[in-house]
């Protein structure tokens, strides 16, 4: 996502007075180009159901076990459950990352996600064990840099909506989709500010 798109998004989102207050008090989100799909999805699995700060510690510990911090599915396939547990991965996430490794070893370079639209990517990735809607949303947002993703299953985003709209309880998907309609086509950028609203700046 280039700087022009981010600037356009900020101008558009600033029309929402509630969001404008957050935007004015925080720096612009930073999106980095990433063609390492395997690493990105492995990272998403590690981040599942954890706070950004805790997940970041485990993820970096995971990277540090590899030469040049470069994940290798062939090595991961042969790592023991104990080795991965010592890094901080649960038994379930160990299974997921091994299944992800098998997927990439089989597919190799036969899939080019850049040629797929959002729904095509969702339909492909959902077939991998351990890859659910939240993981796919993170992949679309921070690897494919798709500008209009709303991860309704993310707890930080739910908390952001609750705080932004002064709700008593966490919102359901329908409420979030309705309230975020004016933010289109830049909901990805809006979500970055929602994470900052709830002080989870290590969201990714």
C-alpha atoms as a PDB file:
ATOM      1  CA  UNK A   1       0.000   0.000   0.000  1.00  0.00           C
ATOM      2  CA  UNK A   2       1.715   3.160  -1.171  1.00  0.00           C
ATOM      3  CA  UNK A   3       1.821   6.513   0.574  1.00  0.00           C
ATOM      4  CA  UNK A   4      -0.679   8.040  -1.848  1.00  0.00           C
ATOM      5  CA  UNK A   5      -3.292   5.423  -0.949  1.00  0.00           C
ATOM      6  CA  UNK A   6      -2.679   5.941   2.763  1.00  0.00           C
ATOM      7  CA  UNK A   7      -3.011   9.715   2.389  1.00  0.00           C
ATOM      8  CA  UNK A   8      -6.269   9.311   0.454  1.00  0.00           C
ATOM      9  CA  UNK A   9      -7.518   6.928   3.135  1.00  0.00           C
ATOM     10  CA  UNK A  10      -6.699   9.342   5.946  1.00  0.00           C
ATOM     11  CA  UNK A  11      -8.483  12.191   4.158  1.00  0.00           C
ATOM     12  CA  UNK A  12     -11.533   9.988   3.633  1.00  0.00           C
ATOM     13  CA  UNK A  13     -11.571   8.565   7.167  1.00  0.00           C
ATOM     14  CA  UNK A  14     -11.142  12.020   8.707  1.00  0.00           C
ATOM     15  CA  UNK A  15     -14.703  12.767   7.576  1.00  0.00           C
ATOM     16  CA  UNK A  16     -15.716  10.583  10.516  1.00  0.00           C
ATOM     17  CA  UNK A  17     -15.323  12.915  13.508  1.00  0.00           C
ATOM     18  CA  UNK A  18     -14.721  10.017  15.918  1.00  0.00           C
ATOM     19  CA  UNK A  19     -11.953   8.558  13.785  1.00  0.00           C
ATOM     20  CA  UNK A  20     -10.471  11.976  13.068  1.00  0.00           C
ATOM     21  CA  UNK A  21      -9.617  12.427  16.745  1.00  0.00           C
ATOM     22  CA  UNK A  22      -7.613   9.186  16.732  1.00  0.00           C
ATOM     23  CA  UNK A  23      -5.976  10.002  13.386  1.00  0.00           C
ATOM     24  CA  UNK A  24      -4.882  13.429  14.606  1.00  0.00           C
ATOM     25  CA  UNK A  25      -3.208  11.916  17.673  1.00  0.00           C
ATOM     26  CA  UNK A  26      -1.310   9.059  16.044  1.00  0.00           C
ATOM     27  CA  UNK A  27       1.235   8.624  13.285  1.00  0.00           C
ATOM     28  CA  UNK A  28       0.293   7.122   9.952  1.00  0.00           C
ATOM     29  CA  UNK A  29       0.239   3.317   9.750  1.00  0.00           C
ATOM     30  CA  UNK A  30       3.201   1.739   8.020  1.00  0.00           C
ATOM     31  CA  UNK A  31       2.723  -1.050   5.486  1.00  0.00           C
ATOM     32  CA  UNK A  32       5.721  -2.963   4.167  1.00  0.00           C
ATOM     33  CA  UNK A  33       5.749  -4.982   0.980  1.00  0.00           C
ATOM     34  CA  UNK A  34       6.053  -8.677   1.784  1.00  0.00           C
ATOM     35  CA  UNK A  35       6.266 -11.464  -0.783  1.00  0.00           C
ATOM     36  CA  UNK A  36       7.157 -14.143   1.768  1.00  0.00           C
ATOM     37  CA  UNK A  37       3.709 -15.713   1.978  1.00  0.00           C
ATOM     38  CA  UNK A  38       4.865 -18.657   4.062  1.00  0.00           C
ATOM     39  CA  UNK A  39       6.438 -16.496   6.754  1.00  0.00           C
ATOM     40  CA  UNK A  40       3.415 -14.233   6.824  1.00  0.00           C
ATOM     41  CA  UNK A  41       0.939 -17.065   7.355  1.00  0.00           C
ATOM     42  CA  UNK A  42       3.158 -18.720   9.965  1.00  0.00           C
ATOM     43  CA  UNK A  43       3.264 -15.381  11.772  1.00  0.00           C
ATOM     44  CA  UNK A  44      -0.532 -15.150  11.642  1.00  0.00           C
ATOM     45  CA  UNK A  45      -0.847 -18.598  13.221  1.00  0.00           C
ATOM     46  CA  UNK A  46       1.495 -17.581  16.042  1.00  0.00           C
ATOM     47  CA  UNK A  47      -0.515 -14.385  16.634  1.00  0.00           C
ATOM     48  CA  UNK A  48      -3.840 -16.236  16.885  1.00  0.00           C
ATOM     49  CA  UNK A  49      -5.669 -15.502  20.158  1.00  0.00           C
ATOM     50  CA  UNK A  50      -2.707 -13.665  21.700  1.00  0.00           C
ATOM     51  CA  UNK A  51      -2.120 -10.005  22.474  1.00  0.00           C
ATOM     52  CA  UNK A  52       0.110  -8.255  19.973  1.00  0.00           C
ATOM     53  CA  UNK A  53       2.943  -7.826  22.471  1.00  0.00           C
ATOM     54  CA  UNK A  54       3.023 -11.460  23.623  1.00  0.00           C
ATOM     55  CA  UNK A  55       2.719 -12.765  20.053  1.00  0.00           C
ATOM     56  CA  UNK A  56       5.556 -10.514  18.914  1.00  0.00           C
ATOM     57  CA  UNK A  57       7.888 -11.976  21.549  1.00  0.00           C
ATOM     58  CA  UNK A  58       7.094 -15.570  20.543  1.00  0.00           C
ATOM     59  CA  UNK A  59       7.318 -14.793  16.844  1.00  0.00           C
ATOM     60  CA  UNK A  60      10.773 -13.217  17.181  1.00  0.00           C
ATOM     61  CA  UNK A  61      11.938 -16.125  19.323  1.00  0.00           C
ATOM     62  CA  UNK A  62      10.722 -18.409  16.524  1.00  0.00           C
ATOM     63  CA  UNK A  63      12.595 -16.416  13.856  1.00  0.00           C
ATOM     64  CA  UNK A  64      15.786 -16.456  15.890  1.00  0.00           C
ATOM     65  CA  UNK A  65      15.998 -20.251  15.660  1.00  0.00           C
ATOM     66  CA  UNK A  66      16.655 -19.994  11.917  1.00  0.00           C
ATOM     67  CA  UNK A  67      19.722 -18.782  10.071  1.00  0.00           C
ATOM     68  CA  UNK A  68      19.270 -15.148   9.045  1.00  0.00           C
ATOM     69  CA  UNK A  69      15.799 -15.371  10.666  1.00  0.00           C
ATOM     70  CA  UNK A  70      14.539 -16.969   7.453  1.00  0.00           C
ATOM     71  CA  UNK A  71      11.822 -19.575   8.007  1.00  0.00           C
ATOM     72  CA  UNK A  72      12.294 -22.839   6.136  1.00  0.00           C
ATOM     73  CA  UNK A  73       9.307 -25.218   5.848  1.00  0.00           C
ATOM     74  CA  UNK A  74      11.638 -28.177   5.248  1.00  0.00           C
ATOM     75  CA  UNK A  75      13.327 -27.578   8.600  1.00  0.00           C
ATOM     76  CA  UNK A  76      10.063 -26.937  10.441  1.00  0.00           C
ATOM     77  CA  UNK A  77       8.592 -30.219   9.207  1.00  0.00           C
ATOM     78  CA  UNK A  78      11.432 -32.039  10.979  1.00  0.00           C
ATOM     79  CA  UNK A  79      11.379 -30.040  14.211  1.00  0.00           C
ATOM     80  CA  UNK A  80      10.061 -31.901  17.242  1.00  0.00           C
ATOM     81  CA  UNK A  81       7.008 -30.823  19.184  1.00  0.00           C
ATOM     82  CA  UNK A  82       9.281 -30.210  22.177  1.00  0.00           C
ATOM     83  CA  UNK A  83      11.516 -27.824  20.205  1.00  0.00           C
ATOM     84  CA  UNK A  84       8.518 -25.801  19.078  1.00  0.00           C
ATOM     85  CA  UNK A  85       6.960 -25.899  22.552  1.00  0.00           C
ATOM     86  CA  UNK A  86      10.173 -24.437  24.010  1.00  0.00           C
ATOM     87  CA  UNK A  87       9.784 -21.511  21.617  1.00  0.00           C
ATOM     88  CA  UNK A  88       6.328 -20.880  23.031  1.00  0.00           C
ATOM     89  CA  UNK A  89       4.068 -22.629  20.546  1.00  0.00           C
ATOM     90  CA  UNK A  90       1.127 -24.671  21.771  1.00  0.00           C
ATOM     91  CA  UNK A  91       0.567 -28.234  20.581  1.00  0.00           C
ATOM     92  CA  UNK A  92      -2.254 -26.983  18.367  1.00  0.00           C
ATOM     93  CA  UNK A  93      -0.201 -24.204  16.759  1.00  0.00           C
ATOM     94  CA  UNK A  94       2.683 -26.639  16.226  1.00  0.00           C
ATOM     95  CA  UNK A  95       0.290 -28.852  14.252  1.00  0.00           C
ATOM     96  CA  UNK A  96      -0.985 -25.869  12.257  1.00  0.00           C
ATOM     97  CA  UNK A  97       2.493 -24.643  11.315  1.00  0.00           C
ATOM     98  CA  UNK A  98       3.541 -28.126  10.222  1.00  0.00           C
ATOM     99  CA  UNK A  99       0.422 -28.402   8.031  1.00  0.00           C
ATOM    100  CA  UNK A 100       1.177 -24.977   6.584  1.00  0.00           C
ATOM    101  CA  UNK A 101       4.718 -26.136   5.837  1.00  0.00           C
ATOM    102  CA  UNK A 102       3.399 -29.193   3.993  1.00  0.00           C
ATOM    103  CA  UNK A 103       1.087 -26.985   1.942  1.00  0.00           C
ATOM    104  CA  UNK A 104       3.929 -24.754   0.762  1.00  0.00           C
ATOM    105  CA  UNK A 105       6.262 -27.669   0.092  1.00  0.00           C
ATOM    106  CA  UNK A 106       3.602 -29.252  -2.116  1.00  0.00           C
ATOM    107  CA  UNK A 107       2.481 -26.063  -3.849  1.00  0.00           C
ATOM    108  CA  UNK A 108       5.961 -24.505  -4.081  1.00  0.00           C
ATOM    109  CA  UNK A 109       5.601 -21.545  -6.442  1.00  0.00           C
ATOM    110  CA  UNK A 110       2.499 -22.733  -8.256  1.00  0.00           C
ATOM    111  CA  UNK A 111       0.206 -20.146  -6.633  1.00  0.00           C
ATOM    112  CA  UNK A 112       0.502 -16.423  -7.189  1.00  0.00           C
ATOM    113  CA  UNK A 113      -1.768 -14.702  -4.689  1.00  0.00           C
ATOM    114  CA  UNK A 114      -1.201 -11.361  -6.415  1.00  0.00           C
ATOM    115  CA  UNK A 115      -3.362 -12.602  -9.300  1.00  0.00           C
ATOM    116  CA  UNK A 116      -6.262 -13.476  -6.990  1.00  0.00           C
ATOM    117  CA  UNK A 117      -9.019 -11.291  -5.638  1.00  0.00           C
ATOM    118  CA  UNK A 118      -9.900 -11.312  -1.938  1.00  0.00           C
ATOM    119  CA  UNK A 119     -12.532 -14.053  -2.218  1.00  0.00           C
ATOM    120  CA  UNK A 120     -10.261 -16.312  -4.278  1.00  0.00           C
ATOM    121  CA  UNK A 121      -7.542 -15.992  -1.651  1.00  0.00           C
ATOM    122  CA  UNK A 122     -10.041 -16.787   1.093  1.00  0.00           C
ATOM    123  CA  UNK A 123     -11.271 -19.885  -0.729  1.00  0.00           C
ATOM    124  CA  UNK A 124      -7.716 -21.152  -1.222  1.00  0.00           C
ATOM    125  CA  UNK A 125      -6.332 -20.526   2.260  1.00  0.00           C
ATOM    126  CA  UNK A 126      -9.368 -21.780   4.191  1.00  0.00           C
ATOM    127  CA  UNK A 127      -8.465 -25.288   2.982  1.00  0.00           C
ATOM    128  CA  UNK A 128      -5.307 -25.280   5.149  1.00  0.00           C
ATOM    129  CA  UNK A 129      -5.740 -26.659   8.671  1.00  0.00           C
ATOM    130  CA  UNK A 130      -5.417 -23.884  11.229  1.00  0.00           C
ATOM    131  CA  UNK A 131      -6.075 -21.095   8.727  1.00  0.00           C
ATOM    132  CA  UNK A 132      -9.356 -19.409   9.590  1.00  0.00           C
ATOM    133  CA  UNK A 133     -11.036 -16.138   8.740  1.00  0.00           C
ATOM    134  CA  UNK A 134      -8.930 -14.063  11.168  1.00  0.00           C
ATOM    135  CA  UNK A 135      -5.655 -15.422   9.793  1.00  0.00           C
ATOM    136  CA  UNK A 136      -6.804 -14.772   6.235  1.00  0.00           C
ATOM    137  CA  UNK A 137      -7.825 -11.227   7.165  1.00  0.00           C
ATOM    138  CA  UNK A 138      -4.336 -10.548   8.565  1.00  0.00           C
ATOM    139  CA  UNK A 139      -2.782 -11.988   5.404  1.00  0.00           C
ATOM    140  CA  UNK A 140      -4.961  -9.803   3.187  1.00  0.00           C
ATOM    141  CA  UNK A 141      -4.239  -6.691   5.255  1.00  0.00           C
ATOM    142  CA  UNK A 142      -0.522  -6.923   5.910  1.00  0.00           C
ATOM    143  CA  UNK A 143       0.869  -9.166   3.179  1.00  0.00           C
ATOM    144  CA  UNK A 144      -1.390  -8.574   0.203  1.00  0.00           C
ATOM    145  CA  UNK A 145      -1.954  -4.958   1.351  1.00  0.00           C
ATOM    146  CA  UNK A 146      -5.636  -5.004   0.461  1.00  0.00           C
ATOM    147  CA  UNK A 147      -7.092  -1.672   1.646  1.00  0.00           C
ATOM    148  CA  UNK A 148     -10.673  -2.618   2.551  1.00  0.00           C
ATOM    149  CA  UNK A 149     -10.473  -5.500   5.044  1.00  0.00           C
ATOM    150  CA  UNK A 150     -12.419  -5.564   8.315  1.00  0.00           C
ATOM    151  CA  UNK A 151     -11.361  -8.413  10.659  1.00  0.00           C
ATOM    152  CA  UNK A 152     -14.605  -8.754  12.611  1.00  0.00           C
ATOM    153  CA  UNK A 153     -13.181 -11.699  14.550  1.00  0.00           C
ATOM    154  CA  UNK A 154     -10.305  -9.704  16.020  1.00  0.00           C
ATOM    155  CA  UNK A 155     -10.729  -8.920  19.728  1.00  0.00           C
ATOM    156  CA  UNK A 156      -8.708  -5.702  19.484  1.00  0.00           C
ATOM    157  CA  UNK A 157     -10.957  -4.429  16.701  1.00  0.00           C
ATOM    158  CA  UNK A 158     -14.069  -5.345  18.692  1.00  0.00           C
ATOM    159  CA  UNK A 159     -12.666  -3.440  21.673  1.00  0.00           C
ATOM    160  CA  UNK A 160     -11.886  -0.539  19.372  1.00  0.00           C
ATOM    161  CA  UNK A 161     -15.486  -0.396  18.167  1.00  0.00           C
ATOM    162  CA  UNK A 162     -16.741  -0.618  21.743  1.00  0.00           C
ATOM    163  CA  UNK A 163     -14.588   2.326  22.800  1.00  0.00           C
ATOM    164  CA  UNK A 164     -15.151   4.390  19.655  1.00  0.00           C
ATOM    165  CA  UNK A 165     -18.935   4.110  19.833  1.00  0.00           C
ATOM    166  CA  UNK A 166     -19.246   4.034  23.654  1.00  0.00           C
ATOM    167  CA  UNK A 167     -20.863   0.604  23.700  1.00  0.00           C
ATOM    168  CA  UNK A 168     -21.698  -1.363  26.832  1.00  0.00           C
ATOM    169  CA  UNK A 169     -20.705  -4.694  25.293  1.00  0.00           C
ATOM    170  CA  UNK A 170     -18.506  -5.903  22.459  1.00  0.00           C
ATOM    171  CA  UNK A 171     -20.274  -5.500  19.090  1.00  0.00           C
ATOM    172  CA  UNK A 172     -21.387  -8.313  16.811  1.00  0.00           C
ATOM    173  CA  UNK A 173     -20.323  -8.648  13.178  1.00  0.00           C
ATOM    174  CA  UNK A 174     -23.482  -7.036  11.822  1.00  0.00           C
ATOM    175  CA  UNK A 175     -22.977  -3.893  13.900  1.00  0.00           C
ATOM    176  CA  UNK A 176     -19.326  -3.607  12.876  1.00  0.00           C
ATOM    177  CA  UNK A 177     -20.069  -4.063   9.188  1.00  0.00           C
ATOM    178  CA  UNK A 178     -22.828  -1.440   9.320  1.00  0.00           C
ATOM    179  CA  UNK A 179     -20.809   1.129  11.255  1.00  0.00           C
ATOM    180  CA  UNK A 180     -17.722   0.653   9.066  1.00  0.00           C
ATOM    181  CA  UNK A 181     -19.626   1.145   5.807  1.00  0.00           C
ATOM    182  CA  UNK A 182     -18.695   4.863   5.596  1.00  0.00           C
ATOM    183  CA  UNK A 183     -15.021   3.903   5.955  1.00  0.00           C
ATOM    184  CA  UNK A 184     -14.992   1.950   2.708  1.00  0.00           C
ATOM    185  CA  UNK A 185     -12.865   1.456   0.671  1.00  0.00           C
ATOM    186  CA  UNK A 186     -10.224   2.003   3.387  1.00  0.00           C
ATOM    187  CA  UNK A 187     -11.319  -0.158   6.314  1.00  0.00           C
ATOM    188  CA  UNK A 188      -7.841  -1.689   6.635  1.00  0.00           C
ATOM    189  CA  UNK A 189      -6.393   1.712   7.505  1.00  0.00           C
ATOM    190  CA  UNK A 190      -9.304   2.472   9.840  1.00  0.00           C
ATOM    191  CA  UNK A 191      -8.564  -0.759  11.701  1.00  0.00           C
ATOM    192  CA  UNK A 192      -4.963   0.287  12.289  1.00  0.00           C
ATOM    193  CA  UNK A 193      -6.263   3.313  14.159  1.00  0.00           C
ATOM    194  CA  UNK A 194      -8.767   1.206  16.112  1.00  0.00           C
ATOM    195  CA  UNK A 195      -5.911  -0.978  17.351  1.00  0.00           C
ATOM    196  CA  UNK A 196      -4.102   2.150  18.491  1.00  0.00           C
ATOM    197  CA  UNK A 197      -7.225   3.318  20.276  1.00  0.00           C
ATOM    198  CA  UNK A 198      -7.025   0.276  22.568  1.00  0.00           C
ATOM    199  CA  UNK A 199      -3.255   0.578  23.036  1.00  0.00           C
ATOM    200  CA  UNK A 200      -2.344  -2.573  21.124  1.00  0.00           C
ATOM    201  CA  UNK A 201       0.167  -0.929  18.800  1.00  0.00           C
ATOM    202  CA  UNK A 202       2.070  -4.181  18.434  1.00  0.00           C
ATOM    203  CA  UNK A 203      -0.901  -5.581  16.523  1.00  0.00           C
ATOM    204  CA  UNK A 204       1.371  -6.627  13.681  1.00  0.00           C
END
